[in-house]
Amino acid sequence: RWQLRRLSTLMGTNYVIWHRYLTALG
């Protein structure tokens, strides 16, 4: 999906995310 559509989803573990986005989303 990333190669063809630039889409992916989180898998619950082994990921990083900007703190500011988590805060903004509540």
mmCIF file of all heavy atoms, coordinates in Angstrom:
data_MODEL
# 
_entry.id   MODEL 
# 
loop_
_atom_site.group_PDB 
_atom_site.id 
_atom_site.type_symbol 
_atom_site.label_atom_id 
_atom_site.label_alt_id 
_atom_site.label_comp_id 
_atom_site.label_asym_id 
_atom_site.label_entity_id 
_atom_site.label_seq_id 
_atom_site.pdbx_PDB_ins_code 
_atom_site.Cartn_x 
_atom_site.Cartn_y 
_atom_site.Cartn_z 
_atom_site.occupancy 
_atom_site.B_iso_or_equiv 
_atom_site.pdbx_formal_charge 
_atom_site.auth_seq_id 
_atom_site.auth_comp_id 
_atom_site.auth_asym_id 
_atom_site.auth_atom_id 
_atom_site.pdbx_PDB_model_num 
ATOM 1   N N   . ARG A 1 1  ? 0.827  -1.214 0.000  1.00 0.00 ? 1  ARG A N   1 
ATOM 2   C CA  . ARG A 1 1  ? 0.000  0.000  0.000  1.00 0.00 ? 1  ARG A CA  1 
ATOM 3   C C   . ARG A 1 1  ? 0.858  1.260  0.000  1.00 0.00 ? 1  ARG A C   1 
ATOM 4   O O   . ARG A 1 1  ? 0.513  2.251  -0.640 1.00 0.00 ? 1  ARG A O   1 
ATOM 5   C CB  . ARG A 1 1  ? -0.924 0.016  1.226  1.00 0.00 ? 1  ARG A CB  1 
ATOM 6   C CG  . ARG A 1 1  ? -2.183 -0.811 1.060  1.00 0.00 ? 1  ARG A CG  1 
ATOM 7   C CD  . ARG A 1 1  ? -3.120 -0.608 2.213  1.00 0.00 ? 1  ARG A CD  1 
ATOM 8   N NE  . ARG A 1 1  ? -2.466 -0.876 3.493  1.00 0.00 ? 1  ARG A NE  1 
ATOM 9   C CZ  . ARG A 1 1  ? -2.946 -0.500 4.667  1.00 0.00 ? 1  ARG A CZ  1 
ATOM 10  N NH1 . ARG A 1 1  ? -4.064 0.198  4.732  1.00 0.00 ? 1  ARG A NH1 1 
ATOM 11  N NH2 . ARG A 1 1  ? -2.310 -0.803 5.779  1.00 0.00 ? 1  ARG A NH2 1 
ATOM 12  N N   . TRP A 1 2  ? 1.968  1.238  0.752  1.00 0.00 ? 2  TRP A N   1 
ATOM 13  C CA  . TRP A 1 2  ? 2.818  2.423  0.753  1.00 0.00 ? 2  TRP A CA  1 
ATOM 14  C C   . TRP A 1 2  ? 3.425  2.677  -0.627 1.00 0.00 ? 2  TRP A C   1 
ATOM 15  O O   . TRP A 1 2  ? 3.474  3.811  -1.111 1.00 0.00 ? 2  TRP A O   1 
ATOM 16  C CB  . TRP A 1 2  ? 3.933  2.285  1.794  1.00 0.00 ? 2  TRP A CB  1 
ATOM 17  C CG  . TRP A 1 2  ? 4.842  3.481  1.781  1.00 0.00 ? 2  TRP A CG  1 
ATOM 18  C CD1 . TRP A 1 2  ? 6.075  3.570  1.213  1.00 0.00 ? 2  TRP A CD1 1 
ATOM 19  C CD2 . TRP A 1 2  ? 4.553  4.779  2.309  1.00 0.00 ? 2  TRP A CD2 1 
ATOM 20  N NE1 . TRP A 1 2  ? 6.589  4.830  1.371  1.00 0.00 ? 2  TRP A NE1 1 
ATOM 21  C CE2 . TRP A 1 2  ? 5.671  5.601  2.037  1.00 0.00 ? 2  TRP A CE2 1 
ATOM 22  C CE3 . TRP A 1 2  ? 3.466  5.320  3.000  1.00 0.00 ? 2  TRP A CE3 1 
ATOM 23  C CZ2 . TRP A 1 2  ? 5.724  6.933  2.429  1.00 0.00 ? 2  TRP A CZ2 1 
ATOM 24  C CZ3 . TRP A 1 2  ? 3.525  6.654  3.387  1.00 0.00 ? 2  TRP A CZ3 1 
ATOM 25  C CH2 . TRP A 1 2  ? 4.642  7.440  3.104  1.00 0.00 ? 2  TRP A CH2 1 
ATOM 26  N N   . GLN A 1 3  ? 3.870  1.624  -1.279 1.00 0.00 ? 3  GLN A N   1 
ATOM 27  C CA  . GLN A 1 3  ? 4.487  1.772  -2.592 1.00 0.00 ? 3  GLN A CA  1 
ATOM 28  C C   . GLN A 1 3  ? 3.493  2.301  -3.626 1.00 0.00 ? 3  GLN A C   1 
ATOM 29  O O   . GLN A 1 3  ? 3.832  3.166  -4.441 1.00 0.00 ? 3  GLN A O   1 
ATOM 30  C CB  . GLN A 1 3  ? 5.040  0.417  -3.060 1.00 0.00 ? 3  GLN A CB  1 
ATOM 31  C CG  . GLN A 1 3  ? 5.699  0.436  -4.425 1.00 0.00 ? 3  GLN A CG  1 
ATOM 32  C CD  . GLN A 1 3  ? 6.997  1.208  -4.438 1.00 0.00 ? 3  GLN A CD  1 
ATOM 33  O OE1 . GLN A 1 3  ? 7.680  1.291  -3.419 1.00 0.00 ? 3  GLN A OE1 1 
ATOM 34  N NE2 . GLN A 1 3  ? 7.355  1.777  -5.577 1.00 0.00 ? 3  GLN A NE2 1 
ATOM 35  N N   . LEU A 1 4  ? 2.262  1.798  -3.598 1.00 0.00 ? 4  LEU A N   1 
ATOM 36  C CA  . LEU A 1 4  ? 1.289  2.136  -4.632 1.00 0.00 ? 4  LEU A CA  1 
ATOM 37  C C   . LEU A 1 4  ? 0.426  3.340  -4.291 1.00 0.00 ? 4  LEU A C   1 
ATOM 38  O O   . LEU A 1 4  ? -0.004 4.073  -5.186 1.00 0.00 ? 4  LEU A O   1 
ATOM 39  C CB  . LEU A 1 4  ? 0.378  0.929  -4.895 1.00 0.00 ? 4  LEU A CB  1 
ATOM 40  C CG  . LEU A 1 4  ? 1.070  -0.344 -5.399 1.00 0.00 ? 4  LEU A CG  1 
ATOM 41  C CD1 . LEU A 1 4  ? 0.053  -1.460 -5.571 1.00 0.00 ? 4  LEU A CD1 1 
ATOM 42  C CD2 . LEU A 1 4  ? 1.817  -0.080 -6.703 1.00 0.00 ? 4  LEU A CD2 1 
ATOM 43  N N   . ARG A 1 5  ? 0.161  3.566  -2.983 1.00 0.00 ? 5  ARG A N   1 
ATOM 44  C CA  . ARG A 1 5  ? -0.821 4.600  -2.611 1.00 0.00 ? 5  ARG A CA  1 
ATOM 45  C C   . ARG A 1 5  ? -0.344 5.544  -1.524 1.00 0.00 ? 5  ARG A C   1 
ATOM 46  O O   . ARG A 1 5  ? -1.082 6.418  -1.089 1.00 0.00 ? 5  ARG A O   1 
ATOM 47  C CB  . ARG A 1 5  ? -2.120 3.930  -2.137 1.00 0.00 ? 5  ARG A CB  1 
ATOM 48  C CG  . ARG A 1 5  ? -2.723 2.971  -3.138 1.00 0.00 ? 5  ARG A CG  1 
ATOM 49  C CD  . ARG A 1 5  ? -3.787 2.119  -2.471 1.00 0.00 ? 5  ARG A CD  1 
ATOM 50  N NE  . ARG A 1 5  ? -4.256 1.058  -3.341 1.00 0.00 ? 5  ARG A NE  1 
ATOM 51  C CZ  . ARG A 1 5  ? -4.851 -0.051 -2.915 1.00 0.00 ? 5  ARG A CZ  1 
ATOM 52  N NH1 . ARG A 1 5  ? -5.044 -0.228 -1.611 1.00 0.00 ? 5  ARG A NH1 1 
ATOM 53  N NH2 . ARG A 1 5  ? -5.244 -0.976 -3.752 1.00 0.00 ? 5  ARG A NH2 1 
ATOM 54  N N   . ARG A 1 6  ? 0.895  5.343  -1.029 1.00 0.00 ? 6  ARG A N   1 
ATOM 55  C CA  . ARG A 1 6  ? 1.411  6.142  0.084  1.00 0.00 ? 6  ARG A CA  1 
ATOM 56  C C   . ARG A 1 6  ? 0.490  6.068  1.296  1.00 0.00 ? 6  ARG A C   1 
ATOM 57  O O   . ARG A 1 6  ? 0.228  7.055  1.973  1.00 0.00 ? 6  ARG A O   1 
ATOM 58  C CB  . ARG A 1 6  ? 1.638  7.592  -0.348 1.00 0.00 ? 6  ARG A CB  1 
ATOM 59  C CG  . ARG A 1 6  ? 2.845  7.765  -1.277 1.00 0.00 ? 6  ARG A CG  1 
ATOM 60  C CD  . ARG A 1 6  ? 4.126  7.323  -0.564 1.00 0.00 ? 6  ARG A CD  1 
ATOM 61  N NE  . ARG A 1 6  ? 5.340  7.563  -1.323 1.00 0.00 ? 6  ARG A NE  1 
ATOM 62  C CZ  . ARG A 1 6  ? 5.944  6.663  -2.096 1.00 0.00 ? 6  ARG A CZ  1 
ATOM 63  N NH1 . ARG A 1 6  ? 5.419  5.458  -2.245 1.00 0.00 ? 6  ARG A NH1 1 
ATOM 64  N NH2 . ARG A 1 6  ? 7.051  6.946  -2.728 1.00 0.00 ? 6  ARG A NH2 1 
ATOM 65  N N   . LEU A 1 7  ? -0.004 4.846  1.577  1.00 0.00 ? 7  LEU A N   1 
ATOM 66  C CA  . LEU A 1 7  ? -0.867 4.614  2.727  1.00 0.00 ? 7  LEU A CA  1 
ATOM 67  C C   . LEU A 1 7  ? -0.298 3.492  3.580  1.00 0.00 ? 7  LEU A C   1 
ATOM 68  O O   . LEU A 1 7  ? 0.283  2.535  3.077  1.00 0.00 ? 7  LEU A O   1 
ATOM 69  C CB  . LEU A 1 7  ? -2.289 4.226  2.287  1.00 0.00 ? 7  LEU A CB  1 
ATOM 70  C CG  . LEU A 1 7  ? -3.155 5.314  1.663  1.00 0.00 ? 7  LEU A CG  1 
ATOM 71  C CD1 . LEU A 1 7  ? -4.469 4.723  1.174  1.00 0.00 ? 7  LEU A CD1 1 
ATOM 72  C CD2 . LEU A 1 7  ? -3.415 6.435  2.652  1.00 0.00 ? 7  LEU A CD2 1 
ATOM 73  N N   . SER A 1 8  ? -0.486 3.606  4.882  1.00 0.00 ? 8  SER A N   1 
ATOM 74  C CA  . SER A 1 8  ? -0.107 2.561  5.813  1.00 0.00 ? 8  SER A CA  1 
ATOM 75  C C   . SER A 1 8  ? -0.860 2.808  7.111  1.00 0.00 ? 8  SER A C   1 
ATOM 76  O O   . SER A 1 8  ? -1.479 3.861  7.291  1.00 0.00 ? 8  SER A O   1 
ATOM 77  C CB  . SER A 1 8  ? 1.410  2.579  6.050  1.00 0.00 ? 8  SER A CB  1 
ATOM 78  O OG  . SER A 1 8  ? 1.804  1.520  6.892  1.00 0.00 ? 8  SER A OG  1 
ATOM 79  N N   . THR A 1 9  ? -0.828 1.843  8.015  1.00 0.00 ? 9  THR A N   1 
ATOM 80  C CA  . THR A 1 9  ? -1.500 1.992  9.299  1.00 0.00 ? 9  THR A CA  1 
ATOM 81  C C   . THR A 1 9  ? -0.572 1.540  10.420 1.00 0.00 ? 9  THR A C   1 
ATOM 82  O O   . THR A 1 9  ? 0.343  0.749  10.211 1.00 0.00 ? 9  THR A O   1 
ATOM 83  C CB  . THR A 1 9  ? -2.790 1.146  9.358  1.00 0.00 ? 9  THR A CB  1 
ATOM 84  O OG1 . THR A 1 9  ? -2.499 -0.194 8.954  1.00 0.00 ? 9  THR A OG1 1 
ATOM 85  C CG2 . THR A 1 9  ? -3.870 1.719  8.446  1.00 0.00 ? 9  THR A CG2 1 
ATOM 86  N N   . LEU A 1 10 ? -0.833 2.044  11.616 1.00 0.00 ? 10 LEU A N   1 
ATOM 87  C CA  . LEU A 1 10 ? -0.076 1.618  12.787 1.00 0.00 ? 10 LEU A CA  1 
ATOM 88  C C   . LEU A 1 10 ? -0.414 0.174  13.129 1.00 0.00 ? 10 LEU A C   1 
ATOM 89  O O   . LEU A 1 10 ? -1.515 -0.301 12.835 1.00 0.00 ? 10 LEU A O   1 
ATOM 90  C CB  . LEU A 1 10 ? -0.392 2.523  13.974 1.00 0.00 ? 10 LEU A CB  1 
ATOM 91  C CG  . LEU A 1 10 ? -0.076 4.007  13.794 1.00 0.00 ? 10 LEU A CG  1 
ATOM 92  C CD1 . LEU A 1 10 ? -0.529 4.792  15.017 1.00 0.00 ? 10 LEU A CD1 1 
ATOM 93  C CD2 . LEU A 1 10 ? 1.400  4.225  13.530 1.00 0.00 ? 10 LEU A CD2 1 
ATOM 94  N N   . MET A 1 11 ? 0.526  -0.503 13.783 1.00 0.00 ? 11 MET A N   1 
ATOM 95  C CA  . MET A 1 11 ? 0.338  -1.904 14.129 1.00 0.00 ? 11 MET A CA  1 
ATOM 96  C C   . MET A 1 11 ? 0.354  -2.163 15.630 1.00 0.00 ? 11 MET A C   1 
ATOM 97  O O   . MET A 1 11 ? 0.435  -3.290 16.077 1.00 0.00 ? 11 MET A O   1 
ATOM 98  C CB  . MET A 1 11 ? 1.399  -2.762 13.448 1.00 0.00 ? 11 MET A CB  1 
ATOM 99  C CG  . MET A 1 11 ? 1.247  -2.822 11.945 1.00 0.00 ? 11 MET A CG  1 
ATOM 100 S SD  . MET A 1 11 ? 2.526  -3.831 11.171 1.00 0.00 ? 11 MET A SD  1 
ATOM 101 C CE  . MET A 1 11 ? 2.302  -5.383 12.015 1.00 0.00 ? 11 MET A CE  1 
ATOM 102 N N   . GLY A 1 12 ? 0.324  -1.106 16.427 1.00 0.00 ? 12 GLY A N   1 
ATOM 103 C CA  . GLY A 1 12 ? 0.180  -1.280 17.863 1.00 0.00 ? 12 GLY A CA  1 
ATOM 104 C C   . GLY A 1 12 ? 1.477  -1.383 18.626 1.00 0.00 ? 12 GLY A C   1 
ATOM 105 O O   . GLY A 1 12 ? 1.497  -1.247 19.845 1.00 0.00 ? 12 GLY A O   1 
ATOM 106 N N   . THR A 1 13 ? 2.575  -1.633 17.934 1.00 0.00 ? 13 THR A N   1 
ATOM 107 C CA  . THR A 1 13 ? 3.882  -1.750 18.593 1.00 0.00 ? 13 THR A CA  1 
ATOM 108 C C   . THR A 1 13 ? 4.978  -1.413 17.592 1.00 0.00 ? 13 THR A C   1 
ATOM 109 O O   . THR A 1 13 ? 4.760  -1.438 16.372 1.00 0.00 ? 13 THR A O   1 
ATOM 110 C CB  . THR A 1 13 ? 4.093  -3.169 19.158 1.00 0.00 ? 13 THR A CB  1 
ATOM 111 O OG1 . THR A 1 13 ? 5.249  -3.198 19.989 1.00 0.00 ? 13 THR A OG1 1 
ATOM 112 C CG2 . THR A 1 13 ? 4.235  -4.199 18.045 1.00 0.00 ? 13 THR A CG2 1 
ATOM 113 N N   . ASN A 1 14 ? 6.160  -1.053 18.128 1.00 0.00 ? 14 ASN A N   1 
ATOM 114 C CA  . ASN A 1 14 ? 7.312  -0.732 17.287 1.00 0.00 ? 14 ASN A CA  1 
ATOM 115 C C   . ASN A 1 14 ? 7.005  0.427  16.342 1.00 0.00 ? 14 ASN A C   1 
ATOM 116 O O   . ASN A 1 14 ? 7.291  0.363  15.151 1.00 0.00 ? 14 ASN A O   1 
ATOM 117 C CB  . ASN A 1 14 ? 7.750  -1.969 16.491 1.00 0.00 ? 14 ASN A CB  1 
ATOM 118 C CG  . ASN A 1 14 ? 9.145  -1.810 15.889 1.00 0.00 ? 14 ASN A CG  1 
ATOM 119 O OD1 . ASN A 1 14 ? 10.006 -1.141 16.443 1.00 0.00 ? 14 ASN A OD1 1 
ATOM 120 N ND2 . ASN A 1 14 ? 9.364  -2.439 14.742 1.00 0.00 ? 14 ASN A ND2 1 
ATOM 121 N N   . TYR A 1 15 ? 6.418  1.489  16.885 1.00 0.00 ? 15 TYR A N   1 
ATOM 122 C CA  . TYR A 1 15 ? 6.196  2.672  16.060 1.00 0.00 ? 15 TYR A CA  1 
ATOM 123 C C   . TYR A 1 15 ? 6.553  3.936  16.830 1.00 0.00 ? 15 TYR A C   1 
ATOM 124 O O   . TYR A 1 15 ? 6.602  3.941  18.068 1.00 0.00 ? 15 TYR A O   1 
ATOM 125 C CB  . TYR A 1 15 ? 4.762  2.744  15.531 1.00 0.00 ? 15 TYR A CB  1 
ATOM 126 C CG  . TYR A 1 15 ? 3.663  3.038  16.527 1.00 0.00 ? 15 TYR A CG  1 
ATOM 127 C CD1 . TYR A 1 15 ? 3.347  4.343  16.884 1.00 0.00 ? 15 TYR A CD1 1 
ATOM 128 C CD2 . TYR A 1 15 ? 2.899  2.008  17.071 1.00 0.00 ? 15 TYR A CD2 1 
ATOM 129 C CE1 . TYR A 1 15 ? 2.308  4.610  17.773 1.00 0.00 ? 15 TYR A CE1 1 
ATOM 130 C CE2 . TYR A 1 15 ? 1.869  2.270  17.950 1.00 0.00 ? 15 TYR A CE2 1 
ATOM 131 C CZ  . TYR A 1 15 ? 1.576  3.573  18.303 1.00 0.00 ? 15 TYR A CZ  1 
ATOM 132 O OH  . TYR A 1 15 ? 0.552  3.842  19.178 1.00 0.00 ? 15 TYR A OH  1 
ATOM 133 N N   . VAL A 1 16 ? 6.833  5.001  16.071 1.00 0.00 ? 16 VAL A N   1 
ATOM 134 C CA  . VAL A 1 16 ? 7.087  6.327  16.638 1.00 0.00 ? 16 VAL A CA  1 
ATOM 135 C C   . VAL A 1 16 ? 6.096  7.309  16.045 1.00 0.00 ? 16 VAL A C   1 
ATOM 136 O O   . VAL A 1 16 ? 5.680  7.172  14.884 1.00 0.00 ? 16 VAL A O   1 
ATOM 137 C CB  . VAL A 1 16 ? 8.539  6.796  16.372 1.00 0.00 ? 16 VAL A CB  1 
ATOM 138 C CG1 . VAL A 1 16 ? 9.532  5.919  17.114 1.00 0.00 ? 16 VAL A CG1 1 
ATOM 139 C CG2 . VAL A 1 16 ? 8.860  6.813  14.876 1.00 0.00 ? 16 VAL A CG2 1 
ATOM 140 N N   . ILE A 1 17 ? 5.726  8.298  16.845 1.00 0.00 ? 17 ILE A N   1 
ATOM 141 C CA  . ILE A 1 17 ? 4.766  9.309  16.416 1.00 0.00 ? 17 ILE A CA  1 
ATOM 142 C C   . ILE A 1 17 ? 5.121  10.615 17.108 1.00 0.00 ? 17 ILE A C   1 
ATOM 143 O O   . ILE A 1 17 ? 5.534  10.617 18.269 1.00 0.00 ? 17 ILE A O   1 
ATOM 144 C CB  . ILE A 1 17 ? 3.318  8.864  16.749 1.00 0.00 ? 17 ILE A CB  1 
ATOM 145 C CG1 . ILE A 1 17 ? 2.299  9.906  16.260 1.00 0.00 ? 17 ILE A CG1 1 
ATOM 146 C CG2 . ILE A 1 17 ? 3.138  8.569  18.222 1.00 0.00 ? 17 ILE A CG2 1 
ATOM 147 C CD1 . ILE A 1 17 ? 0.856  9.422  16.354 1.00 0.00 ? 17 ILE A CD1 1 
ATOM 148 N N   . TRP A 1 18 ? 4.986  11.715 16.380 1.00 0.00 ? 18 TRP A N   1 
ATOM 149 C CA  . TRP A 1 18 ? 5.266  13.015 16.994 1.00 0.00 ? 18 TRP A CA  1 
ATOM 150 C C   . TRP A 1 18 ? 4.321  13.252 18.170 1.00 0.00 ? 18 TRP A C   1 
ATOM 151 O O   . TRP A 1 18 ? 3.118  13.091 18.045 1.00 0.00 ? 18 TRP A O   1 
ATOM 152 C CB  . TRP A 1 18 ? 5.115  14.129 15.969 1.00 0.00 ? 18 TRP A CB  1 
ATOM 153 C CG  . TRP A 1 18 ? 6.176  14.157 14.908 1.00 0.00 ? 18 TRP A CG  1 
ATOM 154 C CD1 . TRP A 1 18 ? 6.010  13.885 13.583 1.00 0.00 ? 18 TRP A CD1 1 
ATOM 155 C CD2 . TRP A 1 18 ? 7.556  14.495 15.074 1.00 0.00 ? 18 TRP A CD2 1 
ATOM 156 N NE1 . TRP A 1 18 ? 7.198  14.017 12.907 1.00 0.00 ? 18 TRP A NE1 1 
ATOM 157 C CE2 . TRP A 1 18 ? 8.176  14.404 13.799 1.00 0.00 ? 18 TRP A CE2 1 
ATOM 158 C CE3 . TRP A 1 18 ? 8.343  14.865 16.165 1.00 0.00 ? 18 TRP A CE3 1 
ATOM 159 C CZ2 . TRP A 1 18 ? 9.525  14.655 13.606 1.00 0.00 ? 18 TRP A CZ2 1 
ATOM 160 C CZ3 . TRP A 1 18 ? 9.700  15.123 15.967 1.00 0.00 ? 18 TRP A CZ3 1 
ATOM 161 C CH2 . TRP A 1 18 ? 10.275 15.025 14.704 1.00 0.00 ? 18 TRP A CH2 1 
ATOM 162 N N   . HIS A 1 19 ? 4.892  13.643 19.292 1.00 0.00 ? 19 HIS A N   1 
ATOM 163 C CA  . HIS A 1 19 ? 4.108  13.882 20.507 1.00 0.00 ? 19 HIS A CA  1 
ATOM 164 C C   . HIS A 1 19 ? 3.034  14.941 20.260 1.00 0.00 ? 19 HIS A C   1 
ATOM 165 O O   . HIS A 1 19 ? 1.901  14.825 20.750 1.00 0.00 ? 19 HIS A O   1 
ATOM 166 C CB  . HIS A 1 19 ? 5.054  14.333 21.627 1.00 0.00 ? 19 HIS A CB  1 
ATOM 167 C CG  . HIS A 1 19 ? 4.465  14.257 22.993 1.00 0.00 ? 19 HIS A CG  1 
ATOM 168 N ND1 . HIS A 1 19 ? 5.229  14.203 24.142 1.00 0.00 ? 19 HIS A ND1 1 
ATOM 169 C CD2 . HIS A 1 19 ? 3.174  14.226 23.430 1.00 0.00 ? 19 HIS A CD2 1 
ATOM 170 C CE1 . HIS A 1 19 ? 4.451  14.146 25.197 1.00 0.00 ? 19 HIS A CE1 1 
ATOM 171 N NE2 . HIS A 1 19 ? 3.195  14.165 24.781 1.00 0.00 ? 19 HIS A NE2 1 
ATOM 172 N N   . ARG A 1 20 ? 3.368  15.956 19.495 1.00 0.00 ? 20 ARG A N   1 
ATOM 173 C CA  . ARG A 1 20 ? 2.431  17.063 19.278 1.00 0.00 ? 20 ARG A CA  1 
ATOM 174 C C   . ARG A 1 20 ? 1.168  16.607 18.548 1.00 0.00 ? 20 ARG A C   1 
ATOM 175 O O   . ARG A 1 20 ? 0.083  17.148 18.782 1.00 0.00 ? 20 ARG A O   1 
ATOM 176 C CB  . ARG A 1 20 ? 3.107  18.199 18.514 1.00 0.00 ? 20 ARG A CB  1 
ATOM 177 C CG  . ARG A 1 20 ? 3.572  17.854 17.099 1.00 0.00 ? 20 ARG A CG  1 
ATOM 178 C CD  . ARG A 1 20 ? 4.282  19.059 16.457 1.00 0.00 ? 20 ARG A CD  1 
ATOM 179 N NE  . ARG A 1 20 ? 4.705  18.801 15.096 1.00 0.00 ? 20 ARG A NE  1 
ATOM 180 C CZ  . ARG A 1 20 ? 5.890  18.287 14.773 1.00 0.00 ? 20 ARG A CZ  1 
ATOM 181 N NH1 . ARG A 1 20 ? 6.747  17.954 15.733 1.00 0.00 ? 20 ARG A NH1 1 
ATOM 182 N NH2 . ARG A 1 20 ? 6.223  18.105 13.502 1.00 0.00 ? 20 ARG A NH2 1 
ATOM 183 N N   . TYR A 1 21 ? 1.296  15.598 17.687 1.00 0.00 ? 21 TYR A N   1 
ATOM 184 C CA  . TYR A 1 21 ? 0.111  15.111 16.979 1.00 0.00 ? 21 TYR A CA  1 
ATOM 185 C C   . TYR A 1 21 ? -0.798 14.322 17.919 1.00 0.00 ? 21 TYR A C   1 
ATOM 186 O O   . TYR A 1 21 ? -2.027 14.443 17.860 1.00 0.00 ? 21 TYR A O   1 
ATOM 187 C CB  . TYR A 1 21 ? 0.521  14.245 15.787 1.00 0.00 ? 21 TYR A CB  1 
ATOM 188 C CG  . TYR A 1 21 ? 1.162  15.017 14.659 1.00 0.00 ? 21 TYR A CG  1 
ATOM 189 C CD1 . TYR A 1 21 ? 2.332  14.571 14.065 1.00 0.00 ? 21 TYR A CD1 1 
ATOM 190 C CD2 . TYR A 1 21 ? 0.604  16.202 14.198 1.00 0.00 ? 21 TYR A CD2 1 
ATOM 191 C CE1 . TYR A 1 21 ? 2.931  15.277 13.035 1.00 0.00 ? 21 TYR A CE1 1 
ATOM 192 C CE2 . TYR A 1 21 ? 1.192  16.918 13.170 1.00 0.00 ? 21 TYR A CE2 1 
ATOM 193 C CZ  . TYR A 1 21 ? 2.358  16.450 12.598 1.00 0.00 ? 21 TYR A CZ  1 
ATOM 194 O OH  . TYR A 1 21 ? 2.945  17.163 11.581 1.00 0.00 ? 21 TYR A OH  1 
ATOM 195 N N   . LEU A 1 22 ? -0.191 13.506 18.772 1.00 0.00 ? 22 LEU A N   1 
ATOM 196 C CA  . LEU A 1 22 ? -0.998 12.773 19.754 1.00 0.00 ? 22 LEU A CA  1 
ATOM 197 C C   . LEU A 1 22 ? -1.745 13.741 20.667 1.00 0.00 ? 22 LEU A C   1 
ATOM 198 O O   . LEU A 1 22 ? -2.923 13.537 20.985 1.00 0.00 ? 22 LEU A O   1 
ATOM 199 C CB  . LEU A 1 22 ? -0.098 11.867 20.597 1.00 0.00 ? 22 LEU A CB  1 
ATOM 200 C CG  . LEU A 1 22 ? 0.201  10.473 20.054 1.00 0.00 ? 22 LEU A CG  1 
ATOM 201 C CD1 . LEU A 1 22 ? 1.139  9.736  20.998 1.00 0.00 ? 22 LEU A CD1 1 
ATOM 202 C CD2 . LEU A 1 22 ? -1.076 9.682  19.854 1.00 0.00 ? 22 LEU A CD2 1 
ATOM 203 N N   . THR A 1 23 ? -1.062 14.788 21.099 1.00 0.00 ? 23 THR A N   1 
ATOM 204 C CA  . THR A 1 23 ? -1.698 15.783 21.969 1.00 0.00 ? 23 THR A CA  1 
ATOM 205 C C   . THR A 1 23 ? -2.833 16.491 21.234 1.00 0.00 ? 23 THR A C   1 
ATOM 206 O O   . THR A 1 23 ? -3.924 16.685 21.782 1.00 0.00 ? 23 THR A O   1 
ATOM 207 C CB  . THR A 1 23 ? -0.655 16.806 22.452 1.00 0.00 ? 23 THR A CB  1 
ATOM 208 O OG1 . THR A 1 23 ? 0.394  16.124 23.147 1.00 0.00 ? 23 THR A OG1 1 
ATOM 209 C CG2 . THR A 1 23 ? -1.294 17.831 23.372 1.00 0.00 ? 23 THR A CG2 1 
ATOM 210 N N   . ALA A 1 24 ? -2.590 16.882 19.982 1.00 0.00 ? 24 ALA A N   1 
ATOM 211 C CA  . ALA A 1 24 ? -3.605 17.588 19.204 1.00 0.00 ? 24 ALA A CA  1 
ATOM 212 C C   . ALA A 1 24 ? -4.851 16.729 18.982 1.00 0.00 ? 24 ALA A C   1 
ATOM 213 O O   . ALA A 1 24 ? -5.981 17.252 18.937 1.00 0.00 ? 24 ALA A O   1 
ATOM 214 C CB  . ALA A 1 24 ? -3.026 18.029 17.866 1.00 0.00 ? 24 ALA A CB  1 
ATOM 215 N N   . LEU A 1 25 ? -4.656 15.413 18.861 1.00 0.00 ? 25 LEU A N   1 
ATOM 216 C CA  . LEU A 1 25 ? -5.777 14.512 18.619 1.00 0.00 ? 25 LEU A CA  1 
ATOM 217 C C   . LEU A 1 25 ? -6.449 14.034 19.909 1.00 0.00 ? 25 LEU A C   1 
ATOM 218 O O   . LEU A 1 25 ? -7.409 13.271 19.861 1.00 0.00 ? 25 LEU A O   1 
ATOM 219 C CB  . LEU A 1 25 ? -5.306 13.299 17.809 1.00 0.00 ? 25 LEU A CB  1 
ATOM 220 C CG  . LEU A 1 25 ? -4.860 13.601 16.373 1.00 0.00 ? 25 LEU A CG  1 
ATOM 221 C CD1 . LEU A 1 25 ? -4.268 12.361 15.721 1.00 0.00 ? 25 LEU A CD1 1 
ATOM 222 C CD2 . LEU A 1 25 ? -6.030 14.134 15.548 1.00 0.00 ? 25 LEU A CD2 1 
ATOM 223 N N   . GLY A 1 26 ? -5.944 14.469 21.061 1.00 0.00 ? 26 GLY A N   1 
ATOM 224 C CA  . GLY A 1 26 ? -6.583 14.111 22.329 1.00 0.00 ? 26 GLY A CA  1 
ATOM 225 C C   . GLY A 1 26 ? -6.235 12.736 22.851 1.00 0.00 ? 26 GLY A C   1 
ATOM 226 O O   . GLY A 1 26 ? -6.980 12.181 23.664 1.00 0.00 ? 26 GLY A O   1 
# 
